[in-house]
C-alpha atoms as a PDB file:
ATOM      1  CA  UNK A   1      43.835 199.863 124.602  1.00  0.00           C
ATOM      2  CA  UNK A   2      40.834 198.551 126.395  1.00  0.00           C
ATOM      3  CA  UNK A   3      41.201 196.672 129.660  1.00  0.00           C
ATOM      4  CA  UNK A   4      40.193 193.039 129.905  1.00  0.00           C
ATOM      5  CA  UNK A   5      39.944 191.056 133.140  1.00  0.00           C
ATOM      6  CA  UNK A   6      42.919 188.809 133.717  1.00  0.00           C
ATOM      7  CA  UNK A   7      40.753 185.691 134.068  1.00  0.00           C
ATOM      8  CA  UNK A   8      37.849 184.487 131.951  1.00  0.00           C
ATOM      9  CA  UNK A   9      34.425 185.232 133.409  1.00  0.00           C
ATOM     10  CA  UNK A  10      33.367 181.569 133.148  1.00  0.00           C
ATOM     11  CA  UNK A  11      35.326 180.703 136.293  1.00  0.00           C
ATOM     12  CA  UNK A  12      34.069 181.651 139.721  1.00  0.00           C
ATOM     13  CA  UNK A  13      36.325 183.133 142.376  1.00  0.00           C
ATOM     14  CA  UNK A  14      36.371 179.880 144.370  1.00  0.00           C
ATOM     15  CA  UNK A  15      37.439 177.865 141.317  1.00  0.00           C
ATOM     16  CA  UNK A  16      40.295 180.277 140.637  1.00  0.00           C
ATOM     17  CA  UNK A  17      41.457 180.195 144.270  1.00  0.00           C
ATOM     18  CA  UNK A  18      41.504 176.374 144.375  1.00  0.00           C
ATOM     19  CA  UNK A  19      43.575 175.998 141.195  1.00  0.00           C
ATOM     20  CA  UNK A  20      47.336 176.133 141.313  1.00  0.00           C
ATOM     21  CA  UNK A  21      48.161 179.488 139.752  1.00  0.00           C
ATOM     22  CA  UNK A  22      51.191 179.919 137.552  1.00  0.00           C
ATOM     23  CA  UNK A  23      51.938 183.439 136.361  1.00  0.00           C
ATOM     24  CA  UNK A  24      54.556 184.997 134.156  1.00  0.00           C
ATOM     25  CA  UNK A  25      55.641 188.530 133.362  1.00  0.00           C
ATOM     26  CA  UNK A  26      56.277 188.957 129.644  1.00  0.00           C
ATOM     27  CA  UNK A  27      57.518 191.867 127.579  1.00  0.00           C
ATOM     28  CA  UNK A  28      56.181 192.632 124.122  1.00  0.00           C
ATOM     29  CA  UNK A  29      55.769 195.860 122.219  1.00  0.00           C
ATOM     30  CA  UNK A  30      57.766 197.777 124.832  1.00  0.00           C
ATOM     31  CA  UNK A  31      55.240 196.953 127.572  1.00  0.00           C
ATOM     32  CA  UNK A  32      55.138 194.367 130.351  1.00  0.00           C
ATOM     33  CA  UNK A  33      52.150 192.094 131.010  1.00  0.00           C
ATOM     34  CA  UNK A  34      51.389 189.765 133.925  1.00  0.00           C
ATOM     35  CA  UNK A  35      49.703 186.700 132.457  1.00  0.00           C
ATOM     36  CA  UNK A  36      48.327 183.333 133.556  1.00  0.00           C
ATOM     37  CA  UNK A  37      47.171 180.388 131.473  1.00  0.00           C
ATOM     38  CA  UNK A  38      43.812 181.135 129.874  1.00  0.00           C
ATOM     39  CA  UNK A  39      44.172 184.926 130.072  1.00  0.00           C
ATOM     40  CA  UNK A  40      43.167 187.126 127.157  1.00  0.00           C
ATOM     41  CA  UNK A  41      45.402 190.162 126.668  1.00  0.00           C
ATOM     42  CA  UNK A  42      45.566 193.028 124.185  1.00  0.00           C
ATOM     43  CA  UNK A  43      49.108 193.724 122.969  1.00  0.00           C
ATOM     44  CA  UNK A  44      50.625 196.015 120.372  1.00  0.00           C
ATOM     45  CA  UNK A  45      50.044 194.700 116.858  1.00  0.00           C
ATOM     46  CA  UNK A  46      51.938 191.501 116.076  1.00  0.00           C
ATOM     47  CA  UNK A  47      52.740 190.213 112.606  1.00  0.00           C
ATOM     48  CA  UNK A  48      50.452 187.153 112.902  1.00  0.00           C
ATOM     49  CA  UNK A  49      47.075 186.193 111.490  1.00  0.00           C
ATOM     50  CA  UNK A  50      44.056 185.153 113.576  1.00  0.00           C
ATOM     51  CA  UNK A  51      44.377 181.525 114.662  1.00  0.00           C
ATOM     52  CA  UNK A  52      48.181 181.546 114.578  1.00  0.00           C
ATOM     53  CA  UNK A  53      50.339 180.555 117.541  1.00  0.00           C
ATOM     54  CA  UNK A  54      52.765 183.127 118.918  1.00  0.00           C
ATOM     55  CA  UNK A  55      55.670 182.608 121.313  1.00  0.00           C
ATOM     56  CA  UNK A  56      56.817 185.240 123.781  1.00  0.00           C
ATOM     57  CA  UNK A  57      60.449 184.506 124.640  1.00  0.00           C
ATOM     58  CA  UNK A  58      61.075 187.703 126.614  1.00  0.00           C
ATOM     59  CA  UNK A  59      59.860 186.263 129.922  1.00  0.00           C
ATOM     60  CA  UNK A  60      60.987 188.456 132.800  1.00  0.00           C
ATOM     61  CA  UNK A  61      59.627 186.319 135.660  1.00  0.00           C
ATOM     62  CA  UNK A  62      57.857 183.025 136.285  1.00  0.00           C
ATOM     63  CA  UNK A  63      55.797 182.825 139.485  1.00  0.00           C
ATOM     64  CA  UNK A  64      54.582 179.429 140.675  1.00  0.00           C
ATOM     65  CA  UNK A  65      53.023 178.174 143.929  1.00  0.00           C
ATOM     66  CA  UNK A  66      56.288 176.498 144.928  1.00  0.00           C
ATOM     67  CA  UNK A  67      58.960 178.852 143.596  1.00  0.00           C
ATOM     68  CA  UNK A  68      59.612 182.119 141.834  1.00  0.00           C
ATOM     69  CA  UNK A  69      62.241 182.726 139.161  1.00  0.00           C
ATOM     70  CA  UNK A  70      63.304 186.221 138.130  1.00  0.00           C
ATOM     71  CA  UNK A  71      65.447 186.778 135.063  1.00  0.00           C
ATOM     72  CA  UNK A  72      68.464 189.018 134.658  1.00  0.00           C
ATOM     73  CA  UNK A  73      66.948 190.452 132.456  1.00  0.00           C
ATOM     74  CA  UNK A  74      65.089 187.388 131.059  1.00  0.00           C
ATOM     75  CA  UNK A  75      64.524 183.849 132.329  1.00  0.00           C
ATOM     76  CA  UNK A  76      66.619 181.472 130.225  1.00  0.00           C
ATOM     77  CA  UNK A  77      64.591 178.830 128.404  1.00  0.00           C
ATOM     78  CA  UNK A  78      61.199 180.164 129.499  1.00  0.00           C
ATOM     79  CA  UNK A  79      58.583 180.589 126.773  1.00  0.00           C
ATOM     80  CA  UNK A  80      54.959 181.692 126.951  1.00  0.00           C
ATOM     81  CA  UNK A  81      52.758 180.576 124.050  1.00  0.00           C
ATOM     82  CA  UNK A  82      49.422 181.965 122.987  1.00  0.00           C
ATOM     83  CA  UNK A  83      46.884 181.910 120.177  1.00  0.00           C
ATOM     84  CA  UNK A  84      45.984 185.027 118.223  1.00  0.00           C
ATOM     85  CA  UNK A  85      42.238 185.584 118.577  1.00  0.00           C
ATOM     86  CA  UNK A  86      42.020 188.634 116.310  1.00  0.00           C
ATOM     87  CA  UNK A  87      43.731 191.751 115.048  1.00  0.00           C
ATOM     88  CA  UNK A  88      41.887 195.027 115.312  1.00  0.00           C
ATOM     89  CA  UNK A  89      41.976 198.741 115.992  1.00  0.00           C
ATOM     90  CA  UNK A  90      41.225 200.581 119.217  1.00  0.00           C
ATOM     91  CA  UNK A  91      38.778 203.433 119.667  1.00  0.00           C
ATOM     92  CA  UNK A  92      39.451 206.623 117.779  1.00  0.00           C
ATOM     93  CA  UNK A  93      41.459 209.329 119.503  1.00  0.00           C
ATOM     94  CA  UNK A  94      40.997 212.832 118.127  1.00  0.00           C
ATOM     95  CA  UNK A  95      44.003 215.170 118.076  1.00  0.00           C
ATOM     96  CA  UNK A  96      43.084 218.847 117.804  1.00  0.00           C
ATOM     97  CA  UNK A  97      45.681 221.580 117.231  1.00  0.00           C
ATOM     98  CA  UNK A  98      44.990 225.282 117.231  1.00  0.00           C
ATOM     99  CA  UNK A  99      47.011 228.467 117.252  1.00  0.00           C
ATOM    100  CA  UNK A 100      45.022 231.425 118.528  1.00  0.00           C
ATOM    101  CA  UNK A 101      44.579 234.554 116.389  1.00  0.00           C
ATOM    102  CA  UNK A 102      46.217 232.900 113.377  1.00  0.00           C
ATOM    103  CA  UNK A 103      43.329 230.880 111.916  1.00  0.00           C
ATOM    104  CA  UNK A 104      45.255 227.626 112.286  1.00  0.00           C
ATOM    105  CA  UNK A 105      43.144 224.603 113.182  1.00  0.00           C
ATOM    106  CA  UNK A 106      43.869 220.925 112.510  1.00  0.00           C
ATOM    107  CA  UNK A 107      41.865 217.862 113.472  1.00  0.00           C
ATOM    108  CA  UNK A 108      43.455 214.455 113.168  1.00  0.00           C
ATOM    109  CA  UNK A 109      42.224 211.019 114.215  1.00  0.00           C
ATOM    110  CA  UNK A 110      44.199 207.948 115.262  1.00  0.00           C
ATOM    111  CA  UNK A 111      43.226 204.330 115.900  1.00  0.00           C
ATOM    112  CA  UNK A 112      45.960 202.217 117.491  1.00  0.00           C
ATOM    113  CA  UNK A 113      46.207 198.690 116.057  1.00  0.00           C
ATOM    114  CA  UNK A 114      46.251 195.797 118.532  1.00  0.00           C
ATOM    115  CA  UNK A 115      46.359 192.006 118.639  1.00  0.00           C
ATOM    116  CA  UNK A 116      44.119 190.032 120.987  1.00  0.00           C
ATOM    117  CA  UNK A 117      46.006 186.988 122.322  1.00  0.00           C
ATOM    118  CA  UNK A 118      44.814 184.119 124.532  1.00  0.00           C
ATOM    119  CA  UNK A 119      47.611 182.660 126.658  1.00  0.00           C
ATOM    120  CA  UNK A 120      47.879 178.867 126.333  1.00  0.00           C
ATOM    121  CA  UNK A 121      50.972 177.653 128.188  1.00  0.00           C
ATOM    122  CA  UNK A 122      53.674 179.006 130.467  1.00  0.00           C
ATOM    123  CA  UNK A 123      56.858 177.022 130.417  1.00  0.00           C
END
């Protein structure tokens, strides 16, 4: 997976500091992500086409300026929604196996599928 900044580059640091920040920790694909509204994240492949809306209901925490809510294990009623930007594959990883003195060599490639999601609302 490639790393993307948690905030779009169109905003300056001062603009981000002046806004009220609301974050959430979501779980999808066996991994946890800290997200804010407007973030673009790469998650394990979801069964959704580009342009579709996805809902993440496994919200582990909601962090606001005023209060913080942690779930046990999830926050009841909390949902994070996002739009699927695209589905794609990551860079190729080459797997090479060899056994010395036996003439055994295998080369295998793998490209991990991902889904690029832009976070819309945290609620």
